[in-house]
Amino acid sequence: MGFLIVFTIVNLAAFKLRDKVGANPALTLVGAMTSTIALAMLIYRMYQESPQQLEVLAGIVVSSLALEASYRAVAGRKISAPVDPGLAEREEAIKGWRRLLPRASEVITSIVEAEVHLIGSLAGGRSTRLGMWM
């Protein structure tokens, strides 16, 4: 059950950040919907077969949320963005990957006599010689 909850949240987060992470919005929504439906079916079945287990599960979820909220209130902690201080720098480096391609091509061709070509999505669906593409 925990997996379904986490999977739903991850898919919803991917949908929300789809432009930044390049996620397919339809796929993330389908993933969130199917895991939510599976979770609802699991809860319904648990209710039918063993309501006591469902009560225990609900108690665990509510207790963990209450403990987390209490801890944050007492400690005065908030989630900061970004959590990893180097994350923004790495994201910028990743965004600028095309700037690195000419140098990478030089290094490769200095080691071996070859032409470097990009294929597939890197070259926009076409095969392109790296030196001419930039």
Protein backbone atom coordinates (compact mmCIF):
# COMPACT_ATOMS: atom_id res chain seq x y z
CA MET A 1 0.00 0.00 0.00
CA GLY A 2 2.84 2.37 0.82
CA PHE A 3 4.26 1.78 -2.65
CA LEU A 4 0.99 2.85 -4.27
CA ILE A 5 0.88 6.04 -2.22
CA VAL A 6 4.49 6.91 -3.07
CA PHE A 7 4.01 5.99 -6.74
CA THR A 8 0.95 8.25 -6.97
CA ILE A 9 2.82 11.17 -5.39
CA VAL A 10 5.86 10.67 -7.62
CA ASN A 11 3.70 10.64 -10.74
CA LEU A 12 1.84 13.77 -9.65
CA ALA A 13 5.16 15.50 -8.96
CA ALA A 14 6.46 14.44 -12.39
CA PHE A 15 3.32 15.86 -13.97
CA LYS A 16 3.73 19.14 -12.10
CA LEU A 17 7.42 19.39 -13.09
CA ARG A 18 6.94 17.92 -16.58
CA ASP A 19 8.53 20.89 -18.37
CA LYS A 20 11.65 20.75 -16.20
CA VAL A 21 12.11 16.98 -16.24
CA GLY A 22 10.84 16.29 -19.76
CA ALA A 23 8.11 13.93 -18.58
CA ASN A 24 5.25 12.86 -20.79
CA PRO A 25 2.16 14.46 -19.16
CA ALA A 26 -0.22 11.74 -20.37
CA LEU A 27 2.00 8.98 -19.02
CA THR A 28 2.40 10.62 -15.62
CA LEU A 29 -1.34 11.20 -15.29
CA VAL A 30 -2.15 7.64 -16.33
CA GLY A 31 0.37 6.37 -13.77
CA ALA A 32 -1.14 8.54 -11.03
CA MET A 33 -4.70 7.55 -11.93
CA THR A 34 -4.02 3.81 -12.13
CA SER A 35 -2.10 3.74 -8.86
CA THR A 36 -4.87 5.77 -7.19
CA ILE A 37 -7.48 3.33 -8.50
CA ALA A 38 -5.40 0.36 -7.33
CA LEU A 39 -5.02 2.00 -3.90
CA ALA A 40 -8.78 2.60 -3.67
CA MET A 41 -9.47 -1.02 -4.64
CA LEU A 42 -6.98 -2.26 -2.05
CA ILE A 43 -8.55 -0.12 0.67
CA TYR A 44 -12.05 -1.28 -0.30
CA ARG A 45 -10.98 -4.94 -0.22
CA MET A 46 -9.27 -4.43 3.12
CA TYR A 47 -12.44 -2.80 4.44
CA GLN A 48 -14.52 -5.78 3.33
CA GLU A 49 -12.18 -8.50 4.59
CA SER A 50 -10.53 -6.99 7.65
CA PRO A 51 -11.75 -3.58 8.84
CA GLN A 52 -9.46 -3.84 11.88
CA GLN A 53 -6.38 -3.88 9.66
CA LEU A 54 -7.68 -0.83 7.85
CA GLU A 55 -8.13 0.94 11.18
CA VAL A 56 -4.57 0.07 12.18
CA LEU A 57 -3.27 1.28 8.82
CA ALA A 58 -5.20 4.55 9.10
CA GLY A 59 -3.83 5.00 12.63
CA ILE A 60 -0.27 4.50 11.39
CA VAL A 61 -0.70 7.02 8.55
CA VAL A 62 -2.37 9.63 10.78
CA SER A 63 0.24 9.09 13.53
CA SER A 64 3.15 9.50 11.16
CA LEU A 65 1.69 12.69 9.67
CA ALA A 66 0.99 14.06 13.15
CA LEU A 67 4.51 13.22 14.33
CA GLU A 68 6.02 14.90 11.28
CA ALA A 69 3.91 18.03 11.77
CA SER A 70 4.75 18.12 15.49
CA TYR A 71 8.45 17.73 14.83
CA ARG A 72 8.44 20.53 12.27
CA ALA A 73 6.51 22.80 14.65
CA VAL A 74 8.81 22.11 17.60
CA ALA A 75 12.06 22.23 15.62
CA GLY A 76 10.94 25.14 13.44
CA ARG A 77 12.15 23.27 10.38
CA LYS A 78 10.80 23.94 6.93
CA ILE A 79 11.59 22.32 3.64
CA SER A 80 13.91 24.61 1.76
CA ALA A 81 14.32 24.66 -1.97
CA PRO A 82 16.58 23.29 -3.22
CA VAL A 83 17.46 20.77 -0.54
CA ASP A 84 20.80 20.06 -2.23
CA PRO A 85 22.81 23.32 -2.51
CA GLY A 86 24.66 22.09 -5.61
CA LEU A 87 21.48 21.06 -7.41
CA ALA A 88 20.89 24.39 -9.16
CA GLU A 89 24.48 24.43 -10.43
CA ARG A 90 24.21 20.88 -11.79
CA GLU A 91 20.88 21.67 -13.45
CA GLU A 92 22.46 24.64 -15.22
CA ALA A 93 25.36 22.46 -16.36
CA ILE A 94 22.93 19.91 -17.74
CA LYS A 95 20.98 22.62 -19.57
CA GLY A 96 24.21 23.76 -21.21
CA TRP A 97 25.22 20.31 -22.47
CA ARG A 98 25.25 21.48 -26.10
CA ARG A 99 28.09 23.89 -25.31
CA LEU A 100 30.20 20.91 -24.25
CA LEU A 101 29.74 18.91 -27.46
CA PRO A 102 32.37 20.67 -29.62
CA ARG A 103 35.04 20.18 -26.93
CA ALA A 104 33.99 16.56 -26.45
CA SER A 105 34.32 16.04 -30.19
CA GLU A 106 37.82 17.55 -30.15
CA VAL A 107 38.91 15.27 -27.31
CA ILE A 108 37.50 12.17 -29.00
CA THR A 109 39.07 12.96 -32.37
CA SER A 110 42.42 13.74 -30.72
CA ILE A 111 42.46 10.24 -29.22
CA VAL A 112 41.19 8.32 -32.24
CA GLU A 113 40.87 9.24 -35.88
CA ALA A 114 37.12 9.44 -36.25
CA GLU A 115 34.16 11.64 -37.03
CA VAL A 116 31.67 12.25 -34.26
CA HIS A 117 28.00 12.12 -35.20
CA LEU A 118 24.89 12.72 -33.15
CA ILE A 119 21.91 10.49 -33.75
CA GLY A 120 18.35 10.27 -32.55
CA SER A 121 16.90 12.85 -30.19
CA LEU A 122 20.24 14.61 -29.68
CA ALA A 123 20.31 15.53 -33.35
CA GLY A 124 16.60 16.27 -33.60
CA GLY A 125 15.78 12.94 -35.24
CA ARG A 126 18.56 13.10 -37.80
CA SER A 127 22.17 11.97 -37.93
CA THR A 128 24.41 15.00 -37.81
CA ARG A 129 28.18 15.38 -37.88
CA LEU A 130 29.02 17.14 -34.65
CA GLY A 131 31.46 19.70 -35.99
CA MET A 132 28.93 20.89 -38.58
CA TRP A 133 25.91 20.85 -36.28
CA MET A 134 27.15 23.49 -33.90
